Structures are given as structure tokens and as C-alpha cells.
Amino acid sequence: MERVQRLGHVGLTVSDLDASLVFWRDHVRLRELGRGLVEWEHLDRIIGLDHTRIEWAELAVPGGVILELFAYRSPSGPPLPPGGMNRPGMAHICLEVEHIEQVVERLTAGGYQARSRELVTIPRGAYKDFKCIYFLDPDGVTLELSERPSLHWAAKQRRRMSAVHVHRTGHVDEAAGRHG
């Protein structure tokens, strides 16, 4: 049976490859894997455009995904109009980071615009206690930065929940190695 095996890469069309690399490589700190200029007929057939000339770069996202940046030198296209996240067709990329405050400081110092008013700690739901913020790259692509609660915090929450369960049930299932 056919099925999806993994996310191969995320591709972004950019207006200025150098400016985009400053954002994604230097400020977000993704590792550059390669860069070049291609004029390949097979790529024209894949993309559905004739006589393309594309400047590209690939960046490694931890976990095995590639961020692919394409700057079309020929044929060029107009940028998409700016708009809010509620526009159909809008997308964002979420990267989980450590030390999110430092990443926010670096992007802000680099002059990049935050879409969010502030760094938000999620108060409830599946992402409770995650910290999140949206930034815009040089072409208006939304980057969500997200930081998971610390492992120490997660272990403390598990212990607290186990203690609550033991208090309520009054017994431990020692054969299973957990509270019963």
C-alpha cells in the first residue's frame, strides 16, 4: 500500500538569495549545504515553466529536512501581496528552538519584523507551556519559532500526575512498574 514516508524538503521562492541566506543561515542558524545556479530542462518540466534560470541554496534543518531557497532569475515573477495569516494559501514554517529569547533578540537586532506582538507562552491545550512567536523573512514568509517546555519541567509534571493518581487510588501496580 502506498503511503507518505517523510517530509523531503520545504521550498521557498525568494527575491534575493543573499538577503534570504542572511535571515535563514546567519540569524536562524541553519547550516548551508550548497548553493549554485541551474538552467536545467528537466527542472523546467517539473516546475512547469520554460527556460528557467534559478539561483538556489539548500539549508539543513535538524531532523533531516532540507530548506530549499530558489531565486528565479528567469522568468522572474511578481511578489505575492502582503496579508494576514487568515488568507487562504498562506503558510508558515515552524522551527523548534532552544533558548527562544536569544533567537528573538538576534532576529530583532537584525531588523526582522515580528508578526506577533510578543513572545507568547501558551496557557492550555496540547501545546501548554510552549513559547511561540512569528517572524517574517525578507520575502514575507512567516517563520514560527517554538520552544518546548524544558525536559525538567516535563519530568516534574509526570511525577506530579503520578503522585495525584497514587493519592486518588491509594495503590501502586508494582508488577507493571507504574501506578495502578
Protein backbone atom coordinates (compact mmCIF):
# COMPACT_ATOMS: atom_id res chain seq x y z
CA MET A 1 0.00 0.00 0.00
CA GLU A 2 1.36 3.43 -0.91
CA ARG A 3 1.98 5.92 1.90
CA VAL A 4 3.94 9.04 2.71
CA GLN A 5 7.34 8.14 4.13
CA ARG A 6 8.74 11.50 5.27
CA LEU A 7 8.89 15.21 4.56
CA GLY A 8 11.63 15.60 1.95
CA HIS A 9 12.13 19.35 1.86
CA VAL A 10 10.39 22.70 2.11
CA GLY A 11 10.97 25.06 -0.82
CA LEU A 12 10.68 28.84 -0.73
CA THR A 13 10.83 31.18 -3.72
CA VAL A 14 12.82 34.26 -2.70
CA SER A 15 13.56 37.57 -4.36
CA ASP A 16 17.15 37.96 -3.11
CA LEU A 17 19.08 34.81 -2.26
CA ASP A 18 21.80 36.67 -0.35
CA ALA A 19 19.26 38.50 1.85
CA SER A 20 17.40 35.25 2.48
CA LEU A 21 20.62 33.48 3.45
CA VAL A 22 21.38 36.24 5.95
CA PHE A 23 18.00 35.52 7.56
CA TRP A 24 17.87 31.70 7.42
CA ARG A 25 21.60 30.86 7.71
CA ASP A 26 23.04 33.70 9.78
CA HIS A 27 20.14 34.65 12.08
CA VAL A 28 18.05 31.45 12.28
CA ARG A 29 21.35 29.50 12.11
CA LEU A 30 20.52 26.75 9.66
CA ARG A 31 23.61 25.15 8.10
CA GLU A 32 24.18 25.87 4.41
CA LEU A 33 24.63 22.64 2.45
CA GLY A 34 25.13 24.00 -1.03
CA ARG A 35 24.48 26.83 -3.42
CA GLY A 36 24.50 27.28 -7.16
CA LEU A 37 22.86 28.39 -10.38
CA VAL A 38 20.97 25.95 -12.62
CA GLU A 39 19.44 26.04 -16.09
CA TRP A 40 18.08 22.52 -16.42
CA GLU A 41 15.43 21.37 -18.88
CA HIS A 42 14.23 18.60 -16.55
CA LEU A 43 13.64 21.18 -13.82
CA ASP A 44 11.61 23.28 -16.30
CA ARG A 45 9.39 20.23 -16.86
CA ILE A 46 8.94 19.63 -13.12
CA ILE A 47 8.16 23.28 -12.35
CA GLY A 48 6.02 23.87 -15.42
CA LEU A 49 7.96 26.93 -16.65
CA ASP A 50 10.16 27.22 -19.74
CA HIS A 51 13.77 28.42 -19.85
CA THR A 52 14.29 28.78 -16.11
CA ARG A 53 17.48 30.12 -14.63
CA ILE A 54 17.43 29.55 -10.87
CA GLU A 55 19.89 30.56 -8.18
CA TRP A 56 19.47 28.12 -5.29
CA ALA A 57 20.70 27.26 -1.82
CA GLU A 58 19.94 24.33 0.47
CA LEU A 59 19.98 24.56 4.25
CA ALA A 60 19.88 21.71 6.77
CA VAL A 61 17.06 21.73 9.29
CA PRO A 62 17.88 19.50 12.28
CA GLY A 63 15.91 16.26 11.99
CA GLY A 64 16.78 15.63 8.36
CA VAL A 65 14.62 18.12 6.46
CA ILE A 66 16.09 20.48 3.86
CA LEU A 67 15.03 24.10 3.41
CA GLU A 68 15.44 24.89 -0.29
CA LEU A 69 15.65 28.54 -1.41
CA PHE A 70 15.02 29.35 -5.10
CA ALA A 71 15.59 32.80 -6.63
CA TYR A 72 14.21 32.81 -10.19
CA ARG A 73 16.50 34.89 -12.40
CA SER A 74 14.42 33.90 -15.43
CA PRO A 75 11.50 34.05 -15.70
CA SER A 76 11.03 36.38 -12.77
CA GLY A 77 7.64 36.79 -11.11
CA PRO A 78 5.96 39.48 -9.03
CA PRO A 79 5.96 39.08 -5.25
CA LEU A 80 2.77 37.94 -3.56
CA PRO A 81 0.74 40.73 -1.97
CA PRO A 82 1.25 41.08 1.77
CA GLY A 83 -1.54 39.91 4.02
CA GLY A 84 -2.56 38.25 7.22
CA MET A 85 -2.31 34.63 8.25
CA ASN A 86 -6.05 34.27 7.60
CA ARG A 87 -5.59 34.43 3.80
CA PRO A 88 -6.24 31.06 2.11
CA GLY A 89 -2.97 29.77 0.72
CA MET A 90 -0.84 31.39 3.42
CA ALA A 91 1.64 29.05 5.03
CA HIS A 92 4.21 29.15 7.77
CA ILE A 93 7.24 27.14 8.79
CA CYS A 94 7.65 26.20 12.44
CA LEU A 95 11.10 25.54 13.85
CA GLU A 96 11.50 24.27 17.40
CA VAL A 97 14.41 26.04 19.08
CA GLU A 98 16.22 26.14 22.40
CA HIS A 99 16.77 29.46 24.17
CA ILE A 100 13.99 31.16 22.20
CA GLU A 101 14.58 34.53 23.86
CA GLN A 102 18.11 34.64 22.39
CA VAL A 103 16.81 33.79 18.90
CA VAL A 104 14.16 36.53 19.20
CA GLU A 105 16.85 39.02 20.28
CA ARG A 106 19.08 38.06 17.33
CA LEU A 107 16.27 38.41 14.76
CA THR A 108 15.09 41.71 16.28
CA ALA A 109 18.65 43.07 16.32
CA GLY A 110 18.92 42.01 12.66
CA GLY A 111 15.97 44.26 11.87
CA TYR A 112 13.46 41.49 11.12
CA GLN A 113 9.78 42.14 11.77
CA ALA A 114 7.86 40.03 14.24
CA ARG A 115 4.30 39.26 13.17
CA SER A 116 3.47 38.61 16.84
CA ARG A 117 3.29 41.46 19.33
CA GLU A 118 5.26 39.46 21.90
CA LEU A 119 6.66 36.05 22.79
CA VAL A 120 3.63 34.05 23.94
CA THR A 121 3.54 31.21 26.47
CA ILE A 122 0.57 29.00 25.58
CA PRO A 123 -1.68 28.69 28.64
CA ARG A 124 -3.62 25.48 27.80
CA GLY A 125 -4.21 22.68 25.33
CA ALA A 126 -1.83 20.28 23.62
CA TYR A 127 0.92 22.94 23.44
CA LYS A 128 0.52 24.15 27.04
CA ASP A 129 3.63 25.99 28.26
CA PHE A 130 5.26 26.10 24.80
CA LYS A 131 6.69 29.53 23.95
CA CYS A 132 5.90 30.79 20.42
CA ILE A 133 6.37 33.83 18.21
CA TYR A 134 6.01 34.57 14.47
CA PHE A 135 8.62 36.47 12.42
CA LEU A 136 8.70 37.44 8.75
CA ASP A 137 11.61 36.57 6.47
CA PRO A 138 12.79 39.12 3.83
CA ASP A 139 10.04 37.99 1.40
CA GLY A 140 7.22 37.90 3.97
CA VAL A 141 7.30 34.14 4.66
CA THR A 142 6.15 33.50 8.21
CA LEU A 143 8.57 31.67 10.49
CA GLU A 144 7.11 30.37 13.74
CA LEU A 145 9.67 29.86 16.48
CA SER A 146 8.56 27.43 19.17
CA GLU A 147 10.26 26.24 22.33
CA ARG A 148 9.04 23.16 24.18
CA PRO A 149 8.81 23.25 27.94
CA SER A 150 12.08 22.02 29.45
CA LEU A 151 12.65 18.30 29.97
CA HIS A 152 12.97 19.07 33.69
CA TRP A 153 9.51 20.64 33.58
CA ALA A 154 8.03 17.63 31.71
CA ALA A 155 9.52 15.13 34.19
CA LYS A 156 8.21 17.22 37.10
CA GLN A 157 4.72 17.23 35.52
CA ARG A 158 4.81 13.40 35.10
CA ARG A 159 5.87 12.94 38.74
CA ARG A 160 3.14 15.33 39.89
CA MET A 161 0.49 13.49 37.87
CA SER A 162 1.71 10.12 39.21
CA ALA A 163 1.53 11.41 42.77
CA VAL A 164 -2.00 12.68 42.20
CA HIS A 165 -3.01 9.28 40.77
CA VAL A 166 -1.48 7.35 43.75
CA HIS A 167 -3.20 9.73 46.18
CA ARG A 168 -6.57 9.12 44.46
CA THR A 169 -6.26 5.33 44.02
CA GLY A 170 -4.17 4.52 47.07
CA HIS A 171 -2.14 1.77 45.38
CA VAL A 172 0.79 1.13 43.09
CA ASP A 173 0.84 -1.65 40.44
CA GLU A 174 4.37 -2.89 41.17
CA ALA A 175 4.24 -5.74 38.63
CA ALA A 176 3.70 -3.24 35.83
CA GLY A 177 6.23 -0.85 37.35
CA ARG A 178 3.79 2.01 37.42
CA HIS A 179 0.98 3.42 39.45
CA GLY A 180 -2.23 1.42 39.09
